[in-house]
Amino acid sequence: MKEKRMGKKRFIKEYVEPIVIAILIALFIRTFVVQAFKIPSSSMEPTLQVGDYILVTKFLYGVRIPYTGKKFFDSRRPQRGDIIVFIFPKDRSKDFIKRVIATEGEKIEIHQKKITVNDRVIEDPWGHFVKSDWERALQDSDFGPKVVPENKLFVMGDNRDNSLDSRFWGFVDLNDVKGKALVIYFSLDWEADRIFKKIRWGRLGNFIH
């Protein structure tokens, strides 16, 4: 009986405890350090493509406490050009990924593909357009002028003609930002006809800018 109890303790110590510790470490990393996301739509093309698997650093903008909406150590805030993952304001069960275009207190206006921040046209090396001017006129994607409220962000997809973003549903709350896109660790082209060709080898390990 004693040997049976000793065997049970040994089993717990050698097998169960390491598994539990590994799970706790994985949960800690996923919650506070880095998390994997899959790109499901074309709204960030060509920067991010459908089938890209990315890692998002979660501590750069502060540590977000789950289920509380509070952050600690948030000394750095998202800047123009950062690609961020955030909770979609219109459906908090979903995560969105977009690029920061304007931050709190800035006046933003978009007209005929040009972005004006605080009455000055800014450089926009990220914008990608595929539709004609006539098609864009029907879409009516112009915006503003509006001032970004306190603790809010204005975000857009790089694929400007095919992105549901702040032009249509408003601003992102800073507390809803989960992290900054860091690197593409894997990428699959599901339309490729062969398994080997499905992997986009040239995208693996690319840092996201």
C-alpha atoms as a PDB file:
ATOM      1  CA  MET A   1       0.000   0.000   0.000  1.00  0.00           C
ATOM      2  CA  LYS A   2       2.833   2.305   0.904  1.00  0.00           C
ATOM      3  CA  GLU A   3       4.619   1.497  -2.340  1.00  0.00           C
ATOM      4  CA  LYS A   4       1.416   2.248  -4.253  1.00  0.00           C
ATOM      5  CA  ARG A   5       1.148   5.683  -2.637  1.00  0.00           C
ATOM      6  CA  MET A   6       4.808   6.359  -3.335  1.00  0.00           C
ATOM      7  CA  GLY A   7       4.305   5.358  -6.958  1.00  0.00           C
ATOM      8  CA  LYS A   8       1.339   7.697  -7.270  1.00  0.00           C
ATOM      9  CA  LYS A   9       3.312  10.608  -5.805  1.00  0.00           C
ATOM     10  CA  ARG A  10       6.203   9.883  -8.125  1.00  0.00           C
ATOM     11  CA  PHE A  11       3.848   9.827 -11.116  1.00  0.00           C
ATOM     12  CA  ILE A  12       2.350  13.190 -10.117  1.00  0.00           C
ATOM     13  CA  LYS A  13       5.766  14.752  -9.569  1.00  0.00           C
ATOM     14  CA  GLU A  14       7.362  13.407 -12.731  1.00  0.00           C
ATOM     15  CA  TYR A  15       4.476  13.754 -15.184  1.00  0.00           C
ATOM     16  CA  VAL A  16       1.527  15.777 -13.909  1.00  0.00           C
ATOM     17  CA  GLU A  17       3.442  18.668 -12.337  1.00  0.00           C
ATOM     18  CA  PRO A  18       5.564  19.433 -15.457  1.00  0.00           C
ATOM     19  CA  ILE A  19       2.450  19.392 -17.641  1.00  0.00           C
ATOM     20  CA  VAL A  20       0.577  21.755 -15.306  1.00  0.00           C
ATOM     21  CA  ILE A  21       3.584  24.091 -15.112  1.00  0.00           C
ATOM     22  CA  ALA A  22       3.954  24.072 -18.905  1.00  0.00           C
ATOM     23  CA  ILE A  23       0.260  24.928 -19.320  1.00  0.00           C
ATOM     24  CA  LEU A  24       0.506  27.792 -16.833  1.00  0.00           C
ATOM     25  CA  ILE A  25       3.601  29.172 -18.572  1.00  0.00           C
ATOM     26  CA  ALA A  26       1.879  28.942 -21.955  1.00  0.00           C
ATOM     27  CA  LEU A  27      -1.197  30.743 -20.598  1.00  0.00           C
ATOM     28  CA  PHE A  28       0.995  33.463 -19.066  1.00  0.00           C
ATOM     29  CA  ILE A  29       2.873  33.991 -22.335  1.00  0.00           C
ATOM     30  CA  ARG A  30      -0.352  34.069 -24.351  1.00  0.00           C
ATOM     31  CA  THR A  31      -2.000  36.517 -21.959  1.00  0.00           C
ATOM     32  CA  PHE A  32       0.841  38.938 -21.290  1.00  0.00           C
ATOM     33  CA  VAL A  33       3.734  38.415 -23.717  1.00  0.00           C
ATOM     34  CA  VAL A  34       2.907  37.211 -27.233  1.00  0.00           C
ATOM     35  CA  GLN A  35      -0.077  35.717 -29.032  1.00  0.00           C
ATOM     36  CA  ALA A  36      -0.598  34.122 -32.430  1.00  0.00           C
ATOM     37  CA  PHE A  37      -3.242  35.388 -34.853  1.00  0.00           C
ATOM     38  CA  LYS A  38      -4.365  34.302 -38.308  1.00  0.00           C
ATOM     39  CA  ILE A  39      -5.187  36.846 -41.027  1.00  0.00           C
ATOM     40  CA  PRO A  40      -8.692  35.985 -42.294  1.00  0.00           C
ATOM     41  CA  SER A  41      -9.359  38.802 -44.780  1.00  0.00           C
ATOM     42  CA  SER A  42      -7.691  40.929 -47.448  1.00  0.00           C
ATOM     43  CA  SER A  43      -8.137  44.253 -45.638  1.00  0.00           C
ATOM     44  CA  MET A  44      -4.406  44.586 -44.874  1.00  0.00           C
ATOM     45  CA  GLU A  45      -3.069  43.519 -48.272  1.00  0.00           C
ATOM     46  CA  PRO A  46      -0.425  43.681 -49.538  1.00  0.00           C
ATOM     47  CA  THR A  47       1.265  44.029 -46.128  1.00  0.00           C
ATOM     48  CA  LEU A  48      -0.592  41.047 -44.680  1.00  0.00           C
ATOM     49  CA  GLN A  49      -2.234  38.403 -46.827  1.00  0.00           C
ATOM     50  CA  VAL A  50      -5.048  35.957 -46.200  1.00  0.00           C
ATOM     51  CA  GLY A  51      -3.440  32.878 -44.681  1.00  0.00           C
ATOM     52  CA  ASP A  52      -0.631  34.713 -42.883  1.00  0.00           C
ATOM     53  CA  TYR A  53      -0.012  33.584 -39.321  1.00  0.00           C
ATOM     54  CA  ILE A  54       1.463  36.344 -37.194  1.00  0.00           C
ATOM     55  CA  LEU A  55       2.802  36.919 -33.708  1.00  0.00           C
ATOM     56  CA  VAL A  56       1.593  39.956 -31.781  1.00  0.00           C
ATOM     57  CA  THR A  57       3.592  41.407 -28.909  1.00  0.00           C
ATOM     58  CA  LYS A  58       1.183  42.138 -26.050  1.00  0.00           C
ATOM     59  CA  PHE A  59       3.355  44.030 -23.563  1.00  0.00           C
ATOM     60  CA  LEU A  60       4.645  46.865 -25.774  1.00  0.00           C
ATOM     61  CA  TYR A  61       1.647  49.110 -25.046  1.00  0.00           C
ATOM     62  CA  GLY A  62       1.218  47.915 -21.474  1.00  0.00           C
ATOM     63  CA  VAL A  63      -0.080  44.815 -19.745  1.00  0.00           C
ATOM     64  CA  ARG A  64      -3.800  44.300 -20.333  1.00  0.00           C
ATOM     65  CA  ILE A  65      -5.586  42.538 -17.469  1.00  0.00           C
ATOM     66  CA  PRO A  66      -8.118  40.074 -18.933  1.00  0.00           C
ATOM     67  CA  TYR A  67     -11.843  40.775 -18.387  1.00  0.00           C
ATOM     68  CA  THR A  68     -11.130  44.108 -16.649  1.00  0.00           C
ATOM     69  CA  GLY A  69     -10.409  46.479 -19.531  1.00  0.00           C
ATOM     70  CA  LYS A  70      -7.513  47.923 -17.476  1.00  0.00           C
ATOM     71  CA  LYS A  71      -3.855  48.272 -18.405  1.00  0.00           C
ATOM     72  CA  PHE A  72      -0.667  48.675 -16.423  1.00  0.00           C
ATOM     73  CA  PHE A  73       2.784  49.915 -17.472  1.00  0.00           C
ATOM     74  CA  ASP A  74       1.284  51.603 -20.546  1.00  0.00           C
ATOM     75  CA  SER A  75       4.043  54.202 -20.885  1.00  0.00           C
ATOM     76  CA  ARG A  76       4.111  53.789 -24.679  1.00  0.00           C
ATOM     77  CA  ARG A  77       1.057  54.307 -26.854  1.00  0.00           C
ATOM     78  CA  PRO A  78       0.396  53.279 -30.448  1.00  0.00           C
ATOM     79  CA  GLN A  79       1.864  55.645 -33.006  1.00  0.00           C
ATOM     80  CA  ARG A  80       0.964  56.432 -36.595  1.00  0.00           C
ATOM     81  CA  GLY A  81       2.093  53.544 -38.790  1.00  0.00           C
ATOM     82  CA  ASP A  82       1.832  50.843 -36.112  1.00  0.00           C
ATOM     83  CA  ILE A  83      -0.182  47.761 -37.071  1.00  0.00           C
ATOM     84  CA  ILE A  84      -2.284  46.771 -34.075  1.00  0.00           C
ATOM     85  CA  VAL A  85      -4.686  44.035 -33.029  1.00  0.00           C
ATOM     86  CA  PHE A  86      -7.709  45.254 -31.084  1.00  0.00           C
ATOM     87  CA  ILE A  87     -11.186  44.291 -29.949  1.00  0.00           C
ATOM     88  CA  PHE A  88     -13.698  45.233 -32.648  1.00  0.00           C
ATOM     89  CA  PRO A  89     -15.942  47.941 -31.147  1.00  0.00           C
ATOM     90  CA  LYS A  90     -19.075  46.685 -32.921  1.00  0.00           C
ATOM     91  CA  ASP A  91     -18.621  43.051 -31.872  1.00  0.00           C
ATOM     92  CA  ARG A  92     -16.385  42.519 -28.858  1.00  0.00           C
ATOM     93  CA  SER A  93     -16.144  38.799 -29.547  1.00  0.00           C
ATOM     94  CA  LYS A  94     -13.957  39.571 -32.587  1.00  0.00           C
ATOM     95  CA  ASP A  95     -10.387  40.817 -32.983  1.00  0.00           C
ATOM     96  CA  PHE A  96      -9.458  43.166 -35.836  1.00  0.00           C
ATOM     97  CA  ILE A  97      -6.072  44.170 -37.214  1.00  0.00           C
ATOM     98  CA  LYS A  98      -5.493  47.602 -38.792  1.00  0.00           C
ATOM     99  CA  ARG A  99      -2.891  50.344 -39.073  1.00  0.00           C
ATOM    100  CA  VAL A 100      -2.919  53.423 -36.847  1.00  0.00           C
ATOM    101  CA  ILE A 101      -3.407  56.571 -38.917  1.00  0.00           C
ATOM    102  CA  ALA A 102      -4.232  59.201 -36.281  1.00  0.00           C
ATOM    103  CA  THR A 103      -4.024  59.383 -32.500  1.00  0.00           C
ATOM    104  CA  GLU A 104      -5.938  61.270 -29.809  1.00  0.00           C
ATOM    105  CA  GLY A 105      -6.270  65.003 -30.323  1.00  0.00           C
ATOM    106  CA  GLU A 106      -5.383  64.911 -34.014  1.00  0.00           C
ATOM    107  CA  LYS A 107      -7.772  66.244 -36.640  1.00  0.00           C
ATOM    108  CA  ILE A 108      -8.117  63.845 -39.537  1.00  0.00           C
ATOM    109  CA  GLU A 109      -9.694  64.229 -42.943  1.00  0.00           C
ATOM    110  CA  ILE A 110      -9.654  61.879 -45.943  1.00  0.00           C
ATOM    111  CA  HIS A 111     -10.538  63.081 -49.421  1.00  0.00           C
ATOM    112  CA  GLN A 112      -9.709  61.559 -52.808  1.00  0.00           C
ATOM    113  CA  LYS A 113      -7.124  59.131 -51.407  1.00  0.00           C
ATOM    114  CA  LYS A 114      -5.245  61.869 -49.535  1.00  0.00           C
ATOM    115  CA  ILE A 115      -5.011  61.823 -45.735  1.00  0.00           C
ATOM    116  CA  THR A 116      -4.805  65.124 -43.907  1.00  0.00           C
ATOM    117  CA  VAL A 117      -3.788  65.241 -40.238  1.00  0.00           C
ATOM    118  CA  ASN A 118      -3.944  68.582 -38.442  1.00  0.00           C
ATOM    119  CA  ASP A 119      -4.495  70.318 -41.801  1.00  0.00           C
ATOM    120  CA  ARG A 120      -1.360  68.840 -43.393  1.00  0.00           C
ATOM    121  CA  VAL A 121      -1.283  66.069 -45.989  1.00  0.00           C
ATOM    122  CA  ILE A 122       0.762  63.187 -44.585  1.00  0.00           C
ATOM    123  CA  GLU A 123       2.850  60.634 -46.424  1.00  0.00           C
ATOM    124  CA  ASP A 124       0.941  57.406 -46.862  1.00  0.00           C
ATOM    125  CA  PRO A 125       3.320  54.669 -48.094  1.00  0.00           C
ATOM    126  CA  TRP A 126       0.963  51.964 -46.795  1.00  0.00           C
ATOM    127  CA  GLY A 127      -2.180  52.763 -48.800  1.00  0.00           C
ATOM    128  CA  HIS A 128      -3.041  50.294 -51.554  1.00  0.00           C
ATOM    129  CA  PHE A 129      -5.755  51.105 -54.098  1.00  0.00           C
ATOM    130  CA  VAL A 130      -7.228  48.824 -56.742  1.00  0.00           C
ATOM    131  CA  LYS A 131     -10.568  50.410 -57.599  1.00  0.00           C
ATOM    132  CA  SER A 132     -11.053  53.190 -60.129  1.00  0.00           C
ATOM    133  CA  ASP A 133     -11.917  56.707 -58.976  1.00  0.00           C
ATOM    134  CA  TRP A 134     -15.484  56.148 -60.194  1.00  0.00           C
ATOM    135  CA  GLU A 135     -15.857  52.968 -58.119  1.00  0.00           C
ATOM    136  CA  ARG A 136     -14.379  54.748 -55.101  1.00  0.00           C
ATOM    137  CA  ALA A 137     -16.867  57.612 -55.531  1.00  0.00           C
ATOM    138  CA  LEU A 138     -19.699  55.112 -55.270  1.00  0.00           C
ATOM    139  CA  GLN A 139     -18.140  53.648 -52.149  1.00  0.00           C
ATOM    140  CA  ASP A 140     -17.961  57.098 -50.506  1.00  0.00           C
ATOM    141  CA  SER A 141     -14.950  56.343 -48.302  1.00  0.00           C
ATOM    142  CA  ASP A 142     -14.057  59.996 -47.611  1.00  0.00           C
ATOM    143  CA  PHE A 143     -14.009  60.962 -43.952  1.00  0.00           C
ATOM    144  CA  GLY A 144     -14.067  64.019 -41.700  1.00  0.00           C
ATOM    145  CA  PRO A 145     -12.752  66.353 -40.766  1.00  0.00           C
ATOM    146  CA  LYS A 146     -13.013  65.017 -37.212  1.00  0.00           C
ATOM    147  CA  VAL A 147     -10.836  65.223 -34.111  1.00  0.00           C
ATOM    148  CA  VAL A 148      -9.812  61.897 -32.604  1.00  0.00           C
ATOM    149  CA  PRO A 149     -11.243  61.826 -29.053  1.00  0.00           C
ATOM    150  CA  GLU A 150      -9.146  61.318 -25.936  1.00  0.00           C
ATOM    151  CA  ASN A 151      -7.863  57.751 -25.484  1.00  0.00           C
ATOM    152  CA  LYS A 152      -8.968  56.801 -28.996  1.00  0.00           C
ATOM    153  CA  LEU A 153      -7.299  55.855 -32.271  1.00  0.00           C
ATOM    154  CA  PHE A 154      -8.253  56.178 -35.927  1.00  0.00           C
ATOM    155  CA  VAL A 155      -7.270  53.055 -37.868  1.00  0.00           C
ATOM    156  CA  MET A 156      -7.402  51.901 -41.485  1.00  0.00           C
ATOM    157  CA  GLY A 157      -6.615  48.804 -43.484  1.00  0.00           C
ATOM    158  CA  ASP A 158      -3.787  49.074 -46.014  1.00  0.00           C
ATOM    159  CA  ASN A 159      -6.147  47.743 -48.685  1.00  0.00           C
ATOM    160  CA  ARG A 160      -8.093  50.984 -48.677  1.00  0.00           C
ATOM    161  CA  ASP A 161     -10.711  49.844 -51.199  1.00  0.00           C
ATOM    162  CA  ASN A 162     -11.598  46.740 -49.210  1.00  0.00           C
ATOM    163  CA  SER A 163     -11.336  47.541 -45.534  1.00  0.00           C
ATOM    164  CA  LEU A 164     -14.012  47.939 -42.881  1.00  0.00           C
ATOM    165  CA  ASP A 165     -12.276  50.441 -40.622  1.00  0.00           C
ATOM    166  CA  SER A 166     -12.610  53.710 -38.694  1.00  0.00           C
ATOM    167  CA  ARG A 167     -14.034  55.462 -41.747  1.00  0.00           C
ATOM    168  CA  PHE A 168     -17.190  53.392 -41.332  1.00  0.00           C
ATOM    169  CA  TRP A 169     -17.522  52.385 -37.658  1.00  0.00           C
ATOM    170  CA  GLY A 170     -15.552  54.979 -35.705  1.00  0.00           C
ATOM    171  CA  PHE A 171     -12.609  55.025 -33.332  1.00  0.00           C
ATOM    172  CA  VAL A 172     -10.720  52.363 -31.340  1.00  0.00           C
ATOM    173  CA  ASP A 173     -10.439  52.638 -27.571  1.00  0.00           C
ATOM    174  CA  LEU A 174      -6.836  52.481 -26.360  1.00  0.00           C
ATOM    175  CA  ASN A 175      -7.820  49.996 -23.654  1.00  0.00           C
ATOM    176  CA  ASP A 176      -9.076  47.621 -26.360  1.00  0.00           C
ATOM    177  CA  VAL A 177      -5.680  47.407 -28.073  1.00  0.00           C
ATOM    178  CA  LYS A 178      -4.256  43.922 -27.559  1.00  0.00           C
ATOM    179  CA  GLY A 179      -0.835  44.443 -29.076  1.00  0.00           C
ATOM    180  CA  LYS A 180       1.386  45.277 -32.026  1.00  0.00           C
ATOM    181  CA  ALA A 181       1.907  42.961 -34.989  1.00  0.00           C
ATOM    182  CA  LEU A 182       5.497  41.735 -34.901  1.00  0.00           C
ATOM    183  CA  VAL A 183       6.358  38.964 -37.363  1.00  0.00           C
ATOM    184  CA  ILE A 184       4.885  36.498 -39.856  1.00  0.00           C
ATOM    185  CA  TYR A 185       5.840  33.073 -38.566  1.00  0.00           C
ATOM    186  CA  PHE A 186       3.905  31.037 -41.136  1.00  0.00           C
ATOM    187  CA  SER A 187       1.885  31.644 -44.290  1.00  0.00           C
ATOM    188  CA  LEU A 188      -0.383  29.453 -46.424  1.00  0.00           C
ATOM    189  CA  ASP A 189      -1.868  30.019 -49.856  1.00  0.00           C
ATOM    190  CA  TRP A 190      -4.951  27.795 -49.767  1.00  0.00           C
ATOM    191  CA  GLU A 191      -5.606  28.303 -53.477  1.00  0.00           C
ATOM    192  CA  ALA A 192      -2.339  26.656 -54.535  1.00  0.00           C
ATOM    193  CA  ASP A 193      -2.837  23.276 -56.204  1.00  0.00           C
ATOM    194  CA  ARG A 194      -0.021  21.423 -54.443  1.00  0.00           C
ATOM    195  CA  ILE A 195       0.739  21.085 -50.740  1.00  0.00           C
ATOM    196  CA  PHE A 196       4.375  22.169 -51.098  1.00  0.00           C
ATOM    197  CA  LYS A 197       3.313  25.267 -53.033  1.00  0.00           C
ATOM    198  CA  LYS A 198       0.738  26.222 -50.414  1.00  0.00           C
ATOM    199  CA  ILE A 199       3.482  27.396 -48.066  1.00  0.00           C
ATOM    200  CA  ARG A 200       4.630  30.924 -48.884  1.00  0.00           C
ATOM    201  CA  TRP A 201       8.263  30.315 -47.998  1.00  0.00           C
ATOM    202  CA  GLY A 202       9.315  33.874 -48.803  1.00  0.00           C
ATOM    203  CA  ARG A 203       7.009  35.324 -46.146  1.00  0.00           C
ATOM    204  CA  LEU A 204       8.145  33.139 -43.258  1.00  0.00           C
ATOM    205  CA  GLY A 205       9.997  35.130 -40.611  1.00  0.00           C
ATOM    206  CA  ASN A 206       9.251  38.534 -42.178  1.00  0.00           C
ATOM    207  CA  PHE A 207       8.947  41.382 -39.707  1.00  0.00           C
ATOM    208  CA  ILE A 208       5.770  43.430 -40.094  1.00  0.00           C
ATOM    209  CA  HIS A 209       6.088  47.128 -40.907  1.00  0.00           C
END
